Amino acid sequence: MANKKKKNMTNTNQQYDAVITGCKDIFIKKSSDYGSSWRVLRPISITDQIYIKAKRIRTIQESGQQKVVDDVMDEFRGIINYSVIGLIQLQMGKDAIEEIPVTEVSTLYDAQVAATKTLMQSKNHDYGEAWRGMSQEGLTDLILQKLYRMKQIIRNDGLTLISEGLDANYMDMLNYAVFALILTSCE
């Protein structure tokens, strides 16, 4: 049993890395095209961008139809990249909205993903890869729930009594979106 659990986690790590490699490729190419224009975004704007993507995914899931060419997988990739932006923004703060060289953006991206992957590994250990039995719809709903929580935290100026902060929510959404992409690739 322990060997099977270890094998599943190795597989999860490889699948996680493959998803992130694709997302980072998009992020770096867009950073080359647009620079670090995302530095102007405040937490509420980042949350709204992720909300738009999650809401579109849910609408398509419920209606079974879409009229815009971008597929649902692209929206999950966007959730991952905007979550990374949110984490970088929290780390860097709002005072320095300067242009960041692409090489530094790449390093910042890697650092946030590494921390988020470590969180995933810890939770995955404790929850026994429960996400593998979930639906894409369930993961979408969890992302939307996190977004509503984040909007409330932002309205409260970041103050919470017992709850996690924005960073933990960005990390969870990033991981949920990775899981959704892994599950879709396994279908």
N, C-alpha and C. Protein backbone atom coordinates (compact mmCIF):
# COMPACT_ATOMS: atom_id res chain seq x y z
N MET A 1 0.82 -1.19 0.00
CA MET A 1 0.00 0.00 0.00
C MET A 1 0.87 1.26 0.00
N ALA A 2 1.93 1.27 0.79
CA ALA A 2 2.82 2.43 0.86
C ALA A 2 3.50 2.67 -0.48
N ASN A 3 3.87 1.59 -1.19
CA ASN A 3 4.50 1.75 -2.51
C ASN A 3 3.54 2.34 -3.52
N LYS A 4 2.26 1.93 -3.46
CA LYS A 4 1.26 2.48 -4.38
C LYS A 4 1.07 3.98 -4.14
N LYS A 5 1.00 4.37 -2.86
CA LYS A 5 0.83 5.77 -2.50
C LYS A 5 2.03 6.58 -2.99
N LYS A 6 3.23 6.05 -2.82
CA LYS A 6 4.44 6.73 -3.27
C LYS A 6 4.46 6.86 -4.79
N LYS A 7 4.03 5.79 -5.50
CA LYS A 7 3.98 5.82 -6.96
C LYS A 7 2.98 6.86 -7.45
N ASN A 8 1.79 6.93 -6.80
CA ASN A 8 0.79 7.92 -7.18
C ASN A 8 1.33 9.33 -6.98
N MET A 9 2.03 9.57 -5.87
CA MET A 9 2.56 10.90 -5.61
C MET A 9 3.64 11.25 -6.62
N THR A 10 4.46 10.29 -7.00
CA THR A 10 5.47 10.55 -8.04
C THR A 10 4.78 10.93 -9.34
N ASN A 11 3.73 10.19 -9.69
CA ASN A 11 2.96 10.49 -10.89
C ASN A 11 2.34 11.89 -10.79
N THR A 12 1.79 12.22 -9.63
CA THR A 12 1.20 13.54 -9.42
C THR A 12 2.25 14.63 -9.59
N ASN A 13 3.43 14.44 -9.02
CA ASN A 13 4.49 15.43 -9.16
C ASN A 13 4.87 15.64 -10.61
N GLN A 14 4.98 14.56 -11.37
CA GLN A 14 5.32 14.67 -12.80
C GLN A 14 4.21 15.37 -13.58
N GLN A 15 2.96 15.00 -13.30
CA GLN A 15 1.84 15.64 -13.98
C GLN A 15 1.75 17.12 -13.61
N TYR A 16 1.97 17.42 -12.34
CA TYR A 16 1.95 18.80 -11.86
C TYR A 16 3.00 19.62 -12.62
N ASP A 17 4.21 19.08 -12.67
CA ASP A 17 5.30 19.78 -13.36
C ASP A 17 4.99 20.00 -14.84
N ALA A 18 4.38 19.03 -15.48
CA ALA A 18 4.03 19.17 -16.90
C ALA A 18 3.02 20.29 -17.10
N VAL A 19 2.01 20.35 -16.24
CA VAL A 19 1.02 21.43 -16.34
C VAL A 19 1.70 22.78 -16.14
N ILE A 20 2.52 22.88 -15.11
CA ILE A 20 3.18 24.15 -14.79
C ILE A 20 4.12 24.57 -15.92
N THR A 21 4.81 23.62 -16.52
CA THR A 21 5.71 23.95 -17.64
C THR A 21 4.94 24.63 -18.76
N GLY A 22 3.77 24.10 -19.09
CA GLY A 22 2.94 24.71 -20.13
C GLY A 22 2.45 26.10 -19.75
N CYS A 23 2.04 26.25 -18.50
CA CYS A 23 1.55 27.55 -18.02
C CYS A 23 2.67 28.58 -17.98
N LYS A 24 3.82 28.16 -17.51
CA LYS A 24 4.95 29.09 -17.43
C LYS A 24 5.38 29.53 -18.83
N ASP A 25 5.35 28.63 -19.78
CA ASP A 25 5.70 28.98 -21.16
C ASP A 25 4.80 30.12 -21.66
N ILE A 26 3.51 30.00 -21.41
CA ILE A 26 2.56 31.05 -21.79
C ILE A 26 2.89 32.34 -21.05
N PHE A 27 3.13 32.24 -19.75
CA PHE A 27 3.41 33.41 -18.92
C PHE A 27 4.66 34.16 -19.39
N ILE A 28 5.71 33.42 -19.68
CA ILE A 28 6.97 34.04 -20.10
C ILE A 28 6.82 34.68 -21.49
N LYS A 29 6.12 34.01 -22.39
CA LYS A 29 5.89 34.60 -23.71
C LYS A 29 5.07 35.88 -23.61
N LYS A 30 4.06 35.88 -22.76
CA LYS A 30 3.26 37.10 -22.58
C LYS A 30 4.09 38.18 -21.89
N SER A 31 4.97 37.78 -20.98
CA SER A 31 5.86 38.76 -20.34
C SER A 31 6.81 39.38 -21.36
N SER A 32 7.24 38.58 -22.34
CA SER A 32 8.09 39.12 -23.41
C SER A 32 7.30 40.09 -24.29
N ASP A 33 6.04 39.77 -24.53
CA ASP A 33 5.20 40.64 -25.37
C ASP A 33 4.76 41.90 -24.65
N TYR A 34 4.31 41.76 -23.39
CA TYR A 34 3.67 42.86 -22.67
C TYR A 34 4.50 43.45 -21.55
N GLY A 35 5.64 42.85 -21.26
CA GLY A 35 6.40 43.30 -20.10
C GLY A 35 5.68 42.89 -18.83
N SER A 36 5.99 43.55 -17.75
CA SER A 36 5.35 43.22 -16.47
C SER A 36 4.22 44.22 -16.19
N SER A 37 3.39 44.45 -17.21
CA SER A 37 2.26 45.37 -17.06
C SER A 37 1.30 44.93 -15.96
N TRP A 38 1.32 43.65 -15.62
CA TRP A 38 0.47 43.12 -14.56
C TRP A 38 0.82 43.69 -13.19
N ARG A 39 1.98 44.33 -13.07
CA ARG A 39 2.38 44.91 -11.78
C ARG A 39 1.43 46.00 -11.32
N VAL A 40 0.65 46.55 -12.22
CA VAL A 40 -0.29 47.60 -11.85
C VAL A 40 -1.54 47.04 -11.17
N LEU A 41 -1.77 45.75 -11.27
CA LEU A 41 -2.98 45.14 -10.74
C LEU A 41 -2.97 45.06 -9.21
N ARG A 42 -4.08 45.48 -8.64
CA ARG A 42 -4.29 45.36 -7.20
C ARG A 42 -4.93 44.00 -6.90
N PRO A 43 -4.91 43.56 -5.65
CA PRO A 43 -5.50 42.25 -5.33
C PRO A 43 -6.94 42.08 -5.83
N ILE A 44 -7.75 43.12 -5.74
CA ILE A 44 -9.14 42.99 -6.19
C ILE A 44 -9.20 42.78 -7.70
N SER A 45 -8.29 43.42 -8.45
CA SER A 45 -8.27 43.25 -9.91
C SER A 45 -7.83 41.84 -10.30
N ILE A 46 -6.86 41.32 -9.59
CA ILE A 46 -6.40 39.95 -9.86
C ILE A 46 -7.52 38.96 -9.53
N THR A 47 -8.16 39.19 -8.40
CA THR A 47 -9.29 38.34 -8.00
C THR A 47 -10.39 38.40 -9.05
N ASP A 48 -10.68 39.59 -9.56
CA ASP A 48 -11.71 39.73 -10.60
C ASP A 48 -11.32 39.01 -11.88
N GLN A 49 -10.05 39.07 -12.26
CA GLN A 49 -9.60 38.37 -13.46
C GLN A 49 -9.79 36.86 -13.31
N ILE A 50 -9.45 36.34 -12.15
CA ILE A 50 -9.63 34.90 -11.90
C ILE A 50 -11.13 34.57 -11.87
N TYR A 51 -11.92 35.47 -11.27
CA TYR A 51 -13.37 35.26 -11.21
C TYR A 51 -13.97 35.15 -12.61
N ILE A 52 -13.56 36.04 -13.50
CA ILE A 52 -14.07 36.01 -14.88
C ILE A 52 -13.79 34.64 -15.51
N LYS A 53 -12.60 34.14 -15.32
CA LYS A 53 -12.22 32.85 -15.89
C LYS A 53 -13.02 31.70 -15.26
N ALA A 54 -13.12 31.70 -13.93
CA ALA A 54 -13.86 30.63 -13.25
C ALA A 54 -15.35 30.69 -13.58
N LYS A 55 -15.90 31.87 -13.67
CA LYS A 55 -17.32 32.03 -14.00
C LYS A 55 -17.58 31.52 -15.43
N ARG A 56 -16.67 31.83 -16.36
CA ARG A 56 -16.83 31.33 -17.73
C ARG A 56 -16.78 29.80 -17.75
N ILE A 57 -15.85 29.23 -17.02
CA ILE A 57 -15.76 27.76 -16.96
C ILE A 57 -17.08 27.19 -16.45
N ARG A 58 -17.60 27.74 -15.37
CA ARG A 58 -18.84 27.22 -14.80
C ARG A 58 -20.00 27.38 -15.77
N THR A 59 -20.07 28.52 -16.44
CA THR A 59 -21.16 28.76 -17.41
C THR A 59 -21.10 27.72 -18.53
N ILE A 60 -19.92 27.45 -19.04
CA ILE A 60 -19.75 26.44 -20.10
C ILE A 60 -20.09 25.05 -19.56
N GLN A 61 -19.65 24.75 -18.35
CA GLN A 61 -19.96 23.45 -17.75
C GLN A 61 -21.47 23.25 -17.62
N GLU A 62 -22.17 24.30 -17.22
CA GLU A 62 -23.61 24.19 -17.00
C GLU A 62 -24.41 24.19 -18.30
N SER A 63 -23.97 24.99 -19.27
CA SER A 63 -24.74 25.08 -20.52
C SER A 63 -24.31 24.04 -21.55
N GLY A 64 -23.07 23.57 -21.43
CA GLY A 64 -22.55 22.63 -22.42
C GLY A 64 -22.22 23.27 -23.75
N GLN A 65 -22.21 24.60 -23.78
CA GLN A 65 -21.94 25.32 -25.03
C GLN A 65 -20.98 26.47 -24.76
N GLN A 66 -20.25 26.81 -25.81
CA GLN A 66 -19.40 28.00 -25.75
C GLN A 66 -19.38 28.65 -27.11
N LYS A 67 -19.23 29.98 -27.13
CA LYS A 67 -19.22 30.73 -28.38
C LYS A 67 -17.86 31.37 -28.66
N VAL A 68 -16.99 31.42 -27.66
CA VAL A 68 -15.64 31.96 -27.82
C VAL A 68 -14.69 30.79 -27.99
N VAL A 69 -13.71 30.93 -28.88
CA VAL A 69 -12.82 29.84 -29.24
C VAL A 69 -11.98 29.32 -28.07
N ASP A 70 -11.49 30.21 -27.18
CA ASP A 70 -10.65 29.77 -26.06
C ASP A 70 -11.37 28.67 -25.29
N ASP A 71 -10.67 27.56 -25.07
CA ASP A 71 -11.34 26.45 -24.39
C ASP A 71 -11.20 26.55 -22.88
N VAL A 72 -11.90 25.70 -22.18
CA VAL A 72 -11.91 25.68 -20.73
C VAL A 72 -10.51 25.45 -20.17
N MET A 73 -9.72 24.64 -20.84
CA MET A 73 -8.36 24.37 -20.35
C MET A 73 -7.52 25.65 -20.35
N ASP A 74 -7.73 26.50 -21.37
CA ASP A 74 -7.02 27.78 -21.38
C ASP A 74 -7.42 28.65 -20.20
N GLU A 75 -8.68 28.56 -19.80
CA GLU A 75 -9.14 29.35 -18.65
C GLU A 75 -8.49 28.84 -17.35
N PHE A 76 -8.38 27.52 -17.21
CA PHE A 76 -7.68 26.99 -16.03
C PHE A 76 -6.22 27.42 -16.03
N ARG A 77 -5.59 27.45 -17.20
CA ARG A 77 -4.20 27.92 -17.28
C ARG A 77 -4.12 29.39 -16.86
N GLY A 78 -5.11 30.17 -17.27
CA GLY A 78 -5.17 31.57 -16.87
C GLY A 78 -5.32 31.72 -15.36
N ILE A 79 -6.12 30.86 -14.75
CA ILE A 79 -6.29 30.90 -13.29
C ILE A 79 -4.95 30.62 -12.62
N ILE A 80 -4.21 29.67 -13.15
CA ILE A 80 -2.89 29.37 -12.59
C ILE A 80 -1.98 30.58 -12.69
N ASN A 81 -1.91 31.18 -13.88
CA ASN A 81 -0.99 32.30 -14.07
C ASN A 81 -1.41 33.55 -13.30
N TYR A 82 -2.71 33.82 -13.21
CA TYR A 82 -3.14 34.96 -12.40
C TYR A 82 -2.92 34.69 -10.91
N SER A 83 -3.02 33.44 -10.49
CA SER A 83 -2.71 33.12 -9.09
C SER A 83 -1.23 33.37 -8.80
N VAL A 84 -0.38 33.03 -9.74
CA VAL A 84 1.06 33.32 -9.58
C VAL A 84 1.27 34.83 -9.53
N ILE A 85 0.59 35.56 -10.39
CA ILE A 85 0.69 37.02 -10.36
C ILE A 85 0.28 37.54 -8.97
N GLY A 86 -0.81 37.02 -8.46
CA GLY A 86 -1.27 37.45 -7.13
C GLY A 86 -0.23 37.20 -6.06
N LEU A 87 0.37 36.02 -6.10
CA LEU A 87 1.41 35.68 -5.11
C LEU A 87 2.63 36.59 -5.26
N ILE A 88 3.04 36.84 -6.49
CA ILE A 88 4.19 37.73 -6.72
C ILE A 88 3.86 39.14 -6.22
N GLN A 89 2.66 39.60 -6.51
CA GLN A 89 2.26 40.94 -6.09
C GLN A 89 2.27 41.06 -4.56
N LEU A 90 1.77 40.03 -3.88
CA LEU A 90 1.78 40.06 -2.41
C LEU A 90 3.22 40.12 -1.89
N GLN A 91 4.11 39.38 -2.55
CA GLN A 91 5.51 39.36 -2.13
C GLN A 91 6.19 40.70 -2.39
N MET A 92 5.96 41.28 -3.55
CA MET A 92 6.66 42.50 -3.94
C MET A 92 6.04 43.76 -3.37
N GLY A 93 4.76 43.72 -3.07
CA GLY A 93 4.08 44.92 -2.58
C GLY A 93 3.71 45.84 -3.71
N LYS A 94 2.95 46.85 -3.36
CA LYS A 94 2.40 47.75 -4.38
C LYS A 94 3.25 48.99 -4.63
N ASP A 95 4.30 49.18 -3.87
CA ASP A 95 5.08 50.40 -4.00
C ASP A 95 5.98 50.42 -5.23
N ALA A 96 6.48 49.29 -5.63
CA ALA A 96 7.43 49.23 -6.73
C ALA A 96 6.76 48.66 -7.99
N ILE A 97 6.18 49.55 -8.78
CA ILE A 97 5.50 49.09 -9.99
C ILE A 97 6.41 49.37 -11.19
N GLU A 98 7.60 48.85 -11.12
CA GLU A 98 8.57 49.04 -12.19
C GLU A 98 8.54 47.84 -13.14
N GLU A 99 9.17 48.03 -14.28
CA GLU A 99 9.31 46.93 -15.24
C GLU A 99 10.28 45.90 -14.68
N ILE A 100 9.91 44.65 -14.81
CA ILE A 100 10.76 43.56 -14.31
C ILE A 100 11.29 42.79 -15.52
N PRO A 101 12.59 42.58 -15.60
CA PRO A 101 13.14 41.79 -16.71
C PRO A 101 12.55 40.38 -16.73
N VAL A 102 12.40 39.83 -17.92
CA VAL A 102 11.79 38.51 -18.08
C VAL A 102 12.54 37.44 -17.29
N THR A 103 13.85 37.54 -17.20
CA THR A 103 14.61 36.53 -16.44
C THR A 103 14.22 36.58 -14.96
N GLU A 104 14.00 37.78 -14.43
CA GLU A 104 13.59 37.90 -13.03
C GLU A 104 12.15 37.43 -12.86
N VAL A 105 11.29 37.75 -13.83
CA VAL A 105 9.90 37.26 -13.79
C VAL A 105 9.90 35.74 -13.73
N SER A 106 10.75 35.12 -14.51
CA SER A 106 10.85 33.66 -14.53
C SER A 106 11.26 33.12 -13.16
N THR A 107 12.20 33.77 -12.52
CA THR A 107 12.66 33.36 -11.19
C THR A 107 11.55 33.53 -10.16
N LEU A 108 10.85 34.66 -10.22
CA LEU A 108 9.74 34.91 -9.30
C LEU A 108 8.63 33.87 -9.48
N TYR A 109 8.33 33.55 -10.73
CA TYR A 109 7.32 32.54 -11.06
C TYR A 109 7.70 31.20 -10.44
N ASP A 110 8.94 30.80 -10.67
CA ASP A 110 9.42 29.51 -10.15
C ASP A 110 9.33 29.44 -8.62
N ALA A 111 9.67 30.52 -7.96
CA ALA A 111 9.65 30.53 -6.49
C ALA A 111 8.23 30.36 -5.96
N GLN A 112 7.26 31.05 -6.57
CA GLN A 112 5.88 30.93 -6.11
C GLN A 112 5.31 29.55 -6.40
N VAL A 113 5.63 29.00 -7.56
CA VAL A 113 5.14 27.66 -7.90
C VAL A 113 5.78 26.62 -6.99
N ALA A 114 7.05 26.77 -6.67
CA ALA A 114 7.73 25.80 -5.79
C ALA A 114 7.06 25.78 -4.42
N ALA A 115 6.76 26.95 -3.87
CA ALA A 115 6.09 27.01 -2.57
C ALA A 115 4.69 26.40 -2.64
N THR A 116 4.01 26.66 -3.74
CA THR A 116 2.65 26.14 -3.91
C THR A 116 2.66 24.63 -4.12
N LYS A 117 3.65 24.14 -4.83
CA LYS A 117 3.77 22.70 -5.04
C LYS A 117 4.07 21.99 -3.71
N THR A 118 4.90 22.59 -2.88
CA THR A 118 5.21 22.02 -1.57
C THR A 118 3.93 21.92 -0.74
N LEU A 119 3.10 22.95 -0.79
CA LEU A 119 1.82 22.91 -0.10
C LEU A 119 0.95 21.77 -0.64
N MET A 120 0.91 21.65 -1.96
CA MET A 120 0.14 20.57 -2.59
C MET A 120 0.62 19.21 -2.10
N GLN A 121 1.92 19.02 -2.07
CA GLN A 121 2.48 17.73 -1.64
C GLN A 121 2.08 17.41 -0.20
N SER A 122 2.12 18.39 0.67
CA SER A 122 1.73 18.17 2.07
C SER A 122 0.25 17.83 2.18
N LYS A 123 -0.58 18.61 1.51
CA LYS A 123 -2.02 18.35 1.56
C LYS A 123 -2.35 17.03 0.87
N ASN A 124 -1.69 16.77 -0.24
CA ASN A 124 -1.94 15.53 -0.97
C ASN A 124 -1.60 14.32 -0.10
N HIS A 125 -0.55 14.43 0.68
CA HIS A 125 -0.19 13.35 1.61
C HIS A 125 -1.32 13.12 2.61
N ASP A 126 -1.78 14.21 3.22
CA ASP A 126 -2.78 14.10 4.27
C ASP A 126 -4.16 13.70 3.75
N TYR A 127 -4.51 14.18 2.56
CA TYR A 127 -5.84 13.90 2.01
C TYR A 127 -5.87 12.67 1.11
N GLY A 128 -4.72 12.04 0.90
CA GLY A 128 -4.69 10.81 0.12
C GLY A 128 -5.11 10.98 -1.33
N GLU A 129 -4.71 12.08 -1.94
CA GLU A 129 -5.05 12.37 -3.33
C GLU A 129 -6.55 12.33 -3.59
N ALA A 130 -7.31 12.85 -2.66
CA ALA A 130 -8.77 12.87 -2.78
C ALA A 130 -9.23 13.60 -4.04
N TRP A 131 -8.45 14.56 -4.50
CA TRP A 131 -8.83 15.34 -5.68
C TRP A 131 -9.00 14.45 -6.92
N ARG A 132 -8.32 13.31 -6.95
CA ARG A 132 -8.44 12.42 -8.12
C ARG A 132 -9.86 11.86 -8.27
N GLY A 133 -10.63 11.87 -7.19
CA GLY A 133 -12.01 11.41 -7.25
C GLY A 133 -13.01 12.54 -7.45
N MET A 134 -12.50 13.75 -7.63
CA MET A 134 -13.37 14.91 -7.80
C MET A 134 -13.67 15.16 -9.27
N SER A 135 -14.67 15.98 -9.48
CA SER A 135 -15.03 16.38 -10.84
C SER A 135 -14.42 17.75 -11.15
N GLN A 136 -14.31 18.03 -12.43
CA GLN A 136 -13.85 19.36 -12.85
C GLN A 136 -14.83 20.42 -12.33
N GLU A 137 -16.12 20.07 -12.30
CA GLU A 137 -17.12 21.01 -11.80
C GLU A 137 -16.90 21.32 -10.33
N GLY A 138 -16.58 20.29 -9.54
CA GLY A 138 -16.32 20.50 -8.12
C GLY A 138 -15.11 21.39 -7.89
N LEU A 139 -14.07 21.18 -8.67
CA LEU A 139 -12.87 22.02 -8.56
C LEU A 139 -13.17 23.46 -8.95
N THR A 140 -14.00 23.64 -9.97
CA THR A 140 -14.42 24.99 -10.37
C THR A 140 -15.17 25.67 -9.24
N ASP A 141 -16.09 24.94 -8.61
CA ASP A 141 -16.85 25.52 -7.50
C ASP A 141 -15.94 25.90 -6.33
N LEU A 142 -14.93 25.08 -6.05
CA LEU A 142 -13.99 25.41 -4.97
C LEU A 142 -13.20 26.68 -5.30
N ILE A 143 -12.84 26.84 -6.57
CA ILE A 143 -12.15 28.07 -6.98
C ILE A 143 -13.06 29.27 -6.78
N LEU A 144 -14.31 29.15 -7.20
CA LEU A 144 -15.26 30.26 -7.01
C LEU A 144 -15.45 30.57 -5.52
N GLN A 145 -15.54 29.54 -4.70
CA GLN A 145 -15.69 29.75 -3.26
C GLN A 145 -14.49 30.53 -2.70
N LYS A 146 -13.29 30.15 -3.13
CA LYS A 146 -12.08 30.87 -2.69
C LYS A 146 -12.14 32.33 -3.11
N LEU A 147 -12.64 32.57 -4.32
CA LEU A 147 -12.72 33.95 -4.81
C LEU A 147 -13.68 34.80 -3.97
N TYR A 148 -14.83 34.23 -3.62
CA TYR A 148 -15.77 34.96 -2.77
C TYR A 148 -15.14 35.23 -1.40
N ARG A 149 -14.41 34.27 -0.87
CA ARG A 149 -13.71 34.48 0.40
C ARG A 149 -12.70 35.61 0.26
N MET A 150 -11.95 35.60 -0.83
CA MET A 150 -10.92 36.61 -1.04
C MET A 150 -11.52 38.00 -1.16
N LYS A 151 -12.63 38.10 -1.85
CA LYS A 151 -13.29 39.41 -1.98
C LYS A 151 -13.68 39.94 -0.61
N GLN A 152 -14.14 39.06 0.27
CA GLN A 152 -14.50 39.47 1.62
C GLN A 152 -13.25 39.88 2.41
N ILE A 153 -12.18 39.14 2.27
CA ILE A 153 -10.92 39.49 2.94
C ILE A 153 -10.43 40.86 2.46
N ILE A 154 -10.52 41.11 1.17
CA ILE A 154 -10.10 42.41 0.62
C ILE A 154 -10.99 43.52 1.17
N ARG A 155 -12.31 43.28 1.23
CA ARG A 155 -13.22 44.30 1.81
C ARG A 155 -12.88 44.58 3.27
N ASN A 156 -12.33 43.58 3.96
CA ASN A 156 -11.93 43.73 5.37
C ASN A 156 -10.49 44.22 5.50
N ASP A 157 -9.94 44.79 4.43
CA ASP A 157 -8.56 45.29 4.42
C ASP A 157 -7.54 44.23 4.81
N GLY A 158 -7.82 42.98 4.44
CA GLY A 158 -6.89 41.88 4.68
C GLY A 158 -6.95 41.29 6.07
N LEU A 159 -7.80 41.84 6.92
CA LEU A 159 -7.88 41.36 8.29
C LEU A 159 -8.81 40.15 8.38
N THR A 160 -8.35 39.13 9.08
CA THR A 160 -9.17 37.95 9.32
C THR A 160 -9.08 37.59 10.80
N LEU A 161 -10.11 36.94 11.30
CA LEU A 161 -10.11 36.52 12.70
C LEU A 161 -9.47 35.14 12.86
N ILE A 162 -9.77 34.25 11.92
CA ILE A 162 -9.32 32.87 12.05
C ILE A 162 -8.90 32.28 10.71
N SER A 163 -9.21 32.97 9.65
CA SER A 163 -9.04 32.42 8.30
C SER A 163 -7.67 32.70 7.72
N GLU A 164 -7.35 31.92 6.68
CA GLU A 164 -6.10 32.11 5.94
C GLU A 164 -6.18 33.43 5.17
N GLY A 165 -5.04 33.92 4.77
CA GLY A 165 -4.99 35.16 4.02
C GLY A 165 -5.10 34.94 2.52
N LEU A 166 -4.86 35.99 1.78
CA LEU A 166 -4.96 35.94 0.32
C LEU A 166 -3.97 34.95 -0.27
N ASP A 167 -2.77 34.89 0.28
CA ASP A 167 -1.74 34.02 -0.28
C ASP A 167 -2.17 32.55 -0.27
N ALA A 168 -2.74 32.09 0.82
CA ALA A 168 -3.19 30.69 0.91
C ALA A 168 -4.29 30.41 -0.10
N ASN A 169 -5.16 31.38 -0.32
CA ASN A 169 -6.24 31.21 -1.28
C ASN A 169 -5.71 31.16 -2.71
N TYR A 170 -4.74 32.03 -3.04
CA TYR A 170 -4.11 31.96 -4.38
C TYR A 170 -3.47 30.59 -4.59
N MET A 171 -2.79 30.10 -3.56
CA MET A 171 -2.13 28.79 -3.67
C MET A 171 -3.15 27.67 -3.88
N ASP A 172 -4.23 27.70 -3.12
CA ASP A 172 -5.25 26.67 -3.28
C ASP A 172 -5.87 26.72 -4.68
N MET A 173 -6.18 27.92 -5.17
CA MET A 173 -6.77 28.03 -6.52
C MET A 173 -5.81 27.54 -7.58
N LEU A 174 -4.55 27.88 -7.43
CA LEU A 174 -3.53 27.40 -8.37
C LEU A 174 -3.54 25.87 -8.38
N ASN A 175 -3.52 25.27 -7.21
CA ASN A 175 -3.50 23.81 -7.12
C ASN A 175 -4.78 23.19 -7.67
N TYR A 176 -5.94 23.78 -7.38
CA TYR A 176 -7.20 23.25 -7.92
C TYR A 176 -7.19 23.30 -9.45
N ALA A 177 -6.68 24.39 -10.01
CA ALA A 177 -6.64 24.51 -11.47
C ALA A 177 -5.68 23.48 -12.07
N VAL A 178 -4.54 23.24 -11.41
CA VAL A 178 -3.61 22.20 -11.87
C VAL A 178 -4.32 20.84 -11.83
N PHE A 179 -5.01 20.56 -10.75
CA PHE A 179 -5.74 19.29 -10.65
C PHE A 179 -6.76 19.14 -11.77
N ALA A 180 -7.49 20.21 -12.07
CA ALA A 180 -8.49 20.15 -13.14
C ALA A 180 -7.83 19.82 -14.49
N LEU A 181 -6.67 20.42 -14.73
CA LEU A 181 -5.95 20.14 -15.98
C LEU A 181 -5.42 18.71 -16.02
N ILE A 182 -4.92 18.22 -14.89
CA ILE A 182 -4.45 16.83 -14.83
C ILE A 182 -5.61 15.87 -15.07
N LEU A 183 -6.73 16.11 -14.39
CA LEU A 183 -7.88 15.21 -14.55
C LEU A 183 -8.38 15.20 -16.00
N THR A 184 -8.38 16.35 -16.64
CA THR A 184 -8.84 16.43 -18.02
C THR A 184 -7.89 15.68 -18.96
N SER A 185 -6.59 15.76 -18.67
CA SER A 185 -5.62 15.08 -19.53
C SER A 185 -5.67 13.56 -19.34
N CYS A 186 -6.25 13.11 -18.21
CA CYS A 186 -6.35 11.67 -17.93
C CYS A 186 -7.64 11.05 -18.46
N GLU A 187 -8.54 11.87 -18.96
CA GLU A 187 -9.84 11.35 -19.43
C GLU A 187 -9.71 10.56 -20.70
